[in-house]
Protein backbone atom coordinates (compact mmCIF):
# COMPACT_ATOMS: atom_id res chain seq x y z
CA MET A 1 6.55 1.18 -24.51
CA ARG A 2 7.21 -2.25 -26.02
CA LYS A 3 10.17 -2.96 -23.75
CA TYR A 4 8.15 -2.06 -20.65
CA LEU A 5 5.32 -4.33 -21.81
CA VAL A 6 7.91 -7.10 -22.05
CA VAL A 7 9.08 -6.29 -18.51
CA PHE A 8 5.46 -6.39 -17.34
CA THR A 9 4.96 -9.81 -18.96
CA LEU A 10 8.17 -11.15 -17.44
CA GLY A 11 7.05 -9.81 -14.07
CA LEU A 12 3.80 -11.77 -14.38
CA GLN A 13 5.67 -14.95 -15.22
CA ASP A 14 8.18 -14.50 -12.42
CA THR A 15 5.50 -13.81 -9.84
CA PHE A 16 3.47 -16.86 -10.85
CA VAL A 17 6.44 -19.02 -9.86
CA TYR A 18 5.71 -18.08 -6.23
CA ARG A 19 1.91 -18.29 -6.43
CA TRP A 20 1.60 -20.84 -3.60
CA ASN A 21 3.77 -18.70 -1.39
CA TYR A 22 1.43 -15.78 -2.00
CA PHE A 23 -1.63 -17.95 -1.44
CA MET A 24 -0.36 -19.27 1.90
CA ARG A 25 0.76 -15.80 2.98
CA ALA A 26 -2.67 -14.36 2.21
CA THR A 27 -4.50 -17.25 3.88
CA PHE A 28 -2.58 -17.16 7.14
CA GLY A 29 -2.46 -13.37 7.00
CA LEU A 30 -6.21 -13.45 7.65
CA ILE A 31 -5.71 -15.05 11.07
CA PRO A 32 -5.18 -11.69 12.87
CA LEU A 33 -8.65 -10.72 11.61
CA ALA A 34 -10.13 -13.23 14.05
CA GLY A 35 -8.42 -11.49 16.96
CA THR A 36 -9.62 -8.13 15.66
CA VAL A 37 -13.21 -9.39 15.50
CA PHE A 38 -13.11 -10.61 19.12
CA LEU A 39 -11.48 -7.38 20.29
CA TRP A 40 -14.04 -5.03 18.76
CA ARG A 41 -16.91 -7.30 19.71
CA ALA A 42 -15.85 -6.87 23.34
CA VAL A 43 -15.46 -3.10 22.90
CA PHE A 44 -18.90 -2.58 21.38
CA LYS A 45 -20.61 -4.80 23.94
CA GLU A 46 -19.59 -2.40 26.67
CA PRO A 47 -22.01 0.45 27.49
CA GLY A 48 -21.19 3.42 25.27
CA GLY A 49 -18.97 1.22 23.17
CA GLY A 50 -19.75 2.98 19.90
CA MET A 51 -17.21 5.53 18.72
CA HIS A 52 -17.11 8.27 16.11
CA GLY A 53 -19.97 6.86 14.06
CA TYR A 54 -18.61 3.32 13.92
CA SER A 55 -20.77 0.38 14.89
CA TYR A 56 -19.53 -3.17 15.39
CA GLY A 57 -20.60 -4.03 11.83
CA SER A 58 -18.95 -1.00 10.22
CA MET A 59 -15.75 -1.64 12.18
CA ILE A 60 -15.57 -5.23 10.89
CA TYR A 61 -16.35 -3.91 7.39
CA TYR A 62 -13.46 -1.47 7.76
CA TYR A 63 -10.98 -4.23 8.59
CA LEU A 64 -12.25 -6.36 5.71
CA LEU A 65 -11.55 -3.45 3.38
CA THR A 66 -8.05 -3.01 4.82
CA ILE A 67 -7.30 -6.61 3.81
CA VAL A 68 -8.54 -6.04 0.27
CA VAL A 69 -6.83 -2.67 -0.19
CA SER A 70 -3.51 -3.74 1.32
CA ASN A 71 -3.37 -6.68 -1.10
CA LEU A 72 -3.93 -4.29 -3.99
CA VAL A 73 -1.47 -1.52 -3.09
CA THR A 74 1.26 -2.81 -0.77
CA PRO A 75 4.62 -3.68 -2.39
CA THR A 76 6.07 -7.11 -1.61
CA GLU A 77 9.79 -7.07 -0.81
CA ASP A 78 10.51 -4.51 -3.54
CA GLU A 79 12.80 -2.52 -1.28
CA TRP A 80 14.91 -5.59 -0.45
CA GLN A 81 15.25 -6.53 -4.12
CA ILE A 82 16.31 -3.04 -5.22
CA ALA A 83 18.68 -2.58 -2.28
CA GLY A 84 20.18 -6.02 -2.96
CA GLN A 85 20.83 -5.13 -6.60
CA ILE A 86 22.59 -1.93 -5.57
CA ARG A 87 24.63 -3.62 -2.84
CA ASP A 88 25.70 -6.54 -5.07
CA GLY A 89 26.42 -4.41 -8.11
CA GLN A 90 23.66 -5.96 -10.22
CA ILE A 91 22.34 -2.48 -10.88
CA ASN A 92 25.28 -2.06 -13.27
CA SER A 93 23.40 -3.86 -16.03
CA PHE A 94 20.62 -1.26 -15.96
CA LEU A 95 23.10 1.58 -16.37
CA LEU A 96 24.19 0.13 -19.71
CA LYS A 97 20.69 -0.29 -21.15
CA PRO A 98 18.18 2.26 -22.50
CA VAL A 99 15.75 1.44 -19.68
CA ASN A 100 14.37 3.81 -17.08
CA HIS A 101 14.91 1.98 -13.81
CA LEU A 102 11.93 3.63 -12.11
CA ALA A 103 9.61 2.62 -14.96
CA TYR A 104 11.13 -0.87 -14.95
CA ARG A 105 10.41 -1.36 -11.24
CA LEU A 106 6.94 0.14 -11.63
CA CYS A 107 6.10 -2.47 -14.29
CA LEU A 108 7.27 -5.24 -11.95
CA PHE A 109 5.27 -3.73 -9.09
CA VAL A 110 2.04 -3.61 -11.11
CA SER A 111 2.47 -7.15 -12.44
CA GLY A 112 3.25 -8.42 -8.95
CA ARG A 113 0.16 -6.78 -7.47
CA LEU A 114 -2.06 -8.24 -10.20
CA VAL A 115 -0.80 -11.77 -9.64
CA PHE A 116 -0.86 -11.45 -5.86
CA THR A 117 -4.44 -10.19 -5.97
CA ALA A 118 -5.55 -12.94 -8.34
CA VAL A 119 -4.00 -15.67 -6.20
CA THR A 120 -5.44 -14.32 -2.95
CA ILE A 121 -8.98 -13.84 -4.24
CA PRO A 122 -10.27 -17.28 -3.02
CA PRO A 123 -9.45 -16.86 0.72
CA ILE A 124 -10.51 -13.21 0.72
CA ALA A 125 -13.76 -14.06 -1.07
CA LEU A 126 -14.54 -16.67 1.60
CA ILE A 127 -13.94 -14.16 4.38
CA LEU A 128 -16.13 -11.55 2.66
CA PHE A 129 -18.87 -14.13 2.18
CA TYR A 130 -18.72 -15.13 5.84
CA PHE A 131 -19.08 -11.49 6.93
CA ARG A 132 -21.51 -10.60 4.13
CA ASP A 133 -24.07 -9.20 6.59
CA TYR A 134 -21.65 -6.39 7.43
CA LEU A 135 -20.92 -5.33 3.85
CA ALA A 136 -22.44 -2.03 2.72
CA LEU A 137 -21.76 -0.81 -0.80
CA PRO A 138 -21.63 2.93 -1.60
CA SER A 139 -24.93 4.58 -2.39
CA GLN A 140 -23.59 6.89 -5.14
CA ALA A 141 -21.83 5.95 -8.39
CA ILE A 142 -19.31 8.80 -8.05
CA THR A 143 -18.04 7.18 -4.87
CA TYR A 144 -16.82 4.15 -6.81
CA PHE A 145 -14.86 6.36 -9.21
CA CYS A 146 -13.31 8.46 -6.46
CA ALA A 147 -12.44 5.40 -4.37
CA PHE A 148 -10.80 3.75 -7.38
CA ALA A 149 -8.80 6.90 -8.16
CA SER A 150 -7.71 7.10 -4.54
CA LEU A 151 -6.77 3.40 -4.62
CA LEU A 152 -4.49 3.94 -7.63
CA MET A 153 -2.82 6.93 -6.00
CA ALA A 154 -2.40 4.99 -2.74
CA ALA A 155 -0.56 2.28 -4.68
CA MET A 156 1.68 4.88 -6.33
CA ILE A 157 2.50 6.54 -3.00
CA GLN A 158 3.44 3.21 -1.46
CA PHE A 159 5.54 2.23 -4.46
CA PHE A 160 7.42 5.55 -4.64
CA ILE A 161 8.08 5.53 -0.88
CA THR A 162 9.37 1.95 -1.12
CA TYR A 163 11.54 2.82 -4.11
CA THR A 164 12.95 5.90 -2.42
CA ILE A 165 13.79 3.98 0.75
CA ALA A 166 15.50 1.24 -1.28
CA LEU A 167 17.74 3.80 -2.98
CA ALA A 168 19.23 4.63 0.42
CA ALA A 169 21.36 1.55 -0.29
CA PHE A 170 23.52 3.83 -2.45
CA TRP A 171 24.82 5.32 0.81
CA ILE A 172 24.33 2.61 3.45
CA LEU A 173 24.73 -1.16 3.22
CA GLU A 174 21.76 -2.14 5.39
CA ILE A 175 18.37 -0.43 5.03
CA SER A 176 16.39 -2.72 7.35
CA THR A 177 16.28 -0.13 10.16
CA ILE A 178 14.87 2.54 7.84
CA VAL A 179 12.32 0.08 6.43
CA PHE A 180 11.22 -0.90 9.93
CA ILE A 181 10.79 2.73 11.01
CA ILE A 182 8.75 3.64 7.93
CA TYR A 183 6.68 0.47 8.25
CA SER A 184 5.91 1.32 11.87
CA PHE A 185 4.63 4.75 10.86
CA GLU A 186 2.59 3.24 8.02
CA TYR A 187 1.04 0.63 10.30
CA PHE A 188 0.12 3.10 13.04
CA LEU A 189 -0.73 6.22 11.02
CA GLY A 190 -2.02 4.56 7.84
CA GLY A 191 -5.08 2.93 9.35
CA GLN A 192 -4.03 -0.71 9.61
CA MET A 193 -4.12 -0.76 13.42
CA PHE A 194 -7.37 1.23 13.75
CA PRO A 195 -9.39 3.74 11.70
CA VAL A 196 -7.61 7.06 11.65
CA ASP A 197 -10.82 9.04 12.12
CA ILE A 198 -11.41 7.73 15.64
CA MET A 199 -8.48 9.82 16.85
CA PRO A 200 -8.90 13.35 18.29
CA ALA A 201 -9.70 16.04 15.72
CA GLY A 202 -6.42 17.89 16.23
CA ILE A 203 -4.35 14.78 15.57
CA GLN A 204 -6.47 13.94 12.52
CA THR A 205 -5.80 17.39 11.08
CA THR A 206 -2.06 16.81 11.35
CA MET A 207 -2.24 13.28 9.96
CA LYS A 208 -4.15 14.45 6.88
CA TRP A 209 -1.02 16.30 5.77
CA LEU A 210 1.18 13.20 6.07
CA PRO A 211 1.53 10.61 3.27
CA PHE A 212 0.64 7.67 5.55
CA TYR A 213 -2.99 8.79 5.73
CA TYR A 214 -3.28 8.29 1.96
CA GLU A 215 -1.55 4.91 1.72
CA LEU A 216 -4.50 2.90 2.99
CA PHE A 217 -7.09 4.81 4.97
CA CYS A 218 -8.11 7.38 2.36
CA PRO A 219 -9.52 5.00 -0.31
CA ILE A 220 -11.28 2.98 2.39
CA ALA A 221 -12.84 6.08 3.97
CA ILE A 222 -14.07 7.23 0.56
CA PHE A 223 -15.55 3.80 -0.23
CA MET A 224 -17.28 3.70 3.16
CA GLU A 225 -18.55 7.25 2.47
CA ARG A 226 -16.91 8.62 5.59
CA LEU A 227 -15.22 11.18 3.33
CA ARG A 228 -17.72 13.10 1.22
CA GLY A 229 -18.13 16.30 -0.72
CA PRO A 230 -15.49 19.03 -0.25
CA GLU A 231 -13.65 16.94 2.37
CA MET A 232 -13.27 14.10 -0.12
CA LEU A 233 -12.10 16.43 -2.89
CA GLN A 234 -9.55 17.98 -0.56
CA ALA A 235 -8.25 14.51 0.39
CA LEU A 236 -7.91 13.54 -3.28
CA ALA A 237 -6.06 16.77 -4.06
CA ILE A 238 -3.60 16.25 -1.18
CA GLN A 239 -3.16 12.62 -2.17
CA CYS A 240 -2.37 13.64 -5.75
CA GLY A 241 0.17 16.12 -4.37
CA TRP A 242 1.88 13.35 -2.41
CA VAL A 243 2.05 11.16 -5.50
CA LEU A 244 3.85 13.91 -7.41
CA PHE A 245 6.11 14.71 -4.46
CA MET A 246 7.16 11.10 -3.89
CA TRP A 247 7.70 10.61 -7.64
CA ALA A 248 10.01 13.63 -7.65
CA ALA A 249 11.75 12.35 -4.50
CA ALA A 250 12.32 8.96 -6.14
CA ARG A 251 13.87 10.57 -9.24
CA PHE A 252 16.02 12.84 -7.06
CA MET A 253 17.31 9.93 -4.98
CA TRP A 254 18.16 7.97 -8.14
CA LYS A 255 20.16 10.83 -9.65
CA ARG A 256 21.99 11.62 -6.42
CA GLY A 257 22.56 7.95 -5.74
CA LEU A 258 24.19 7.37 -9.12
CA GLY A 259 26.62 10.17 -8.31
CA HIS A 260 27.61 8.33 -5.16
CA TYR A 261 27.54 4.83 -6.64
CA GLN A 262 30.91 3.05 -6.91
CA ALA A 263 29.73 0.18 -9.16
CA VAL A 264 31.27 -2.50 -6.97
CA GLY A 265 30.42 -6.10 -7.88
CA GLY A 266 28.05 -7.20 -10.65
């Protein structure tokens, strides 16, 4: 454990070097929120503008939570770093050391998320304060615990998917197309574009069995108490299953990739 604590500490130090980059990215990343506010304001002003239990206030609250959750769980360029190490042969150094590469990258991911979140707190706090009239905290204590558990599993799913995609560099030189395809699915089916539960019931049923549903929307829906009781427990169980599946997929890709790796460069 000591060596991974050292990796975690080094990850914190390395990430702090780019703190202004993260701050500017978070600040200007809030600009699309303004367009979202105007869009949904126009929608809800129309007669019959409400949809699936969402009001204008709850819709704005939803998008505020997507900003917070995405900052907490979304990897930042991890796939490019890992793929670059494989392509350039820098991965050779890890093959000669008693270090689990998956655990090593996980430590860097956690440290990076902590620093990114800390740096982006000021602009996000200002936005939350401005829209404070729309904020509605959960009414039950158990909701906080379940939402936090779902948040952790969402982060793990995103990390393992990113790691697995990056390992495709063992077979192909350029993974940008794969990353773009997966990102498109995540953006559309994960709840960043719109709440998943405004879609038709049949489509929702299918989406609940896909990992994208649990990368962002699930913890937000639990926190907003749109998932409750047995439905919430089922979502947490499926989300846990996806964490284990993607962890196994990441380990499988690493083992198969090493068998294909030619150790060129480095």
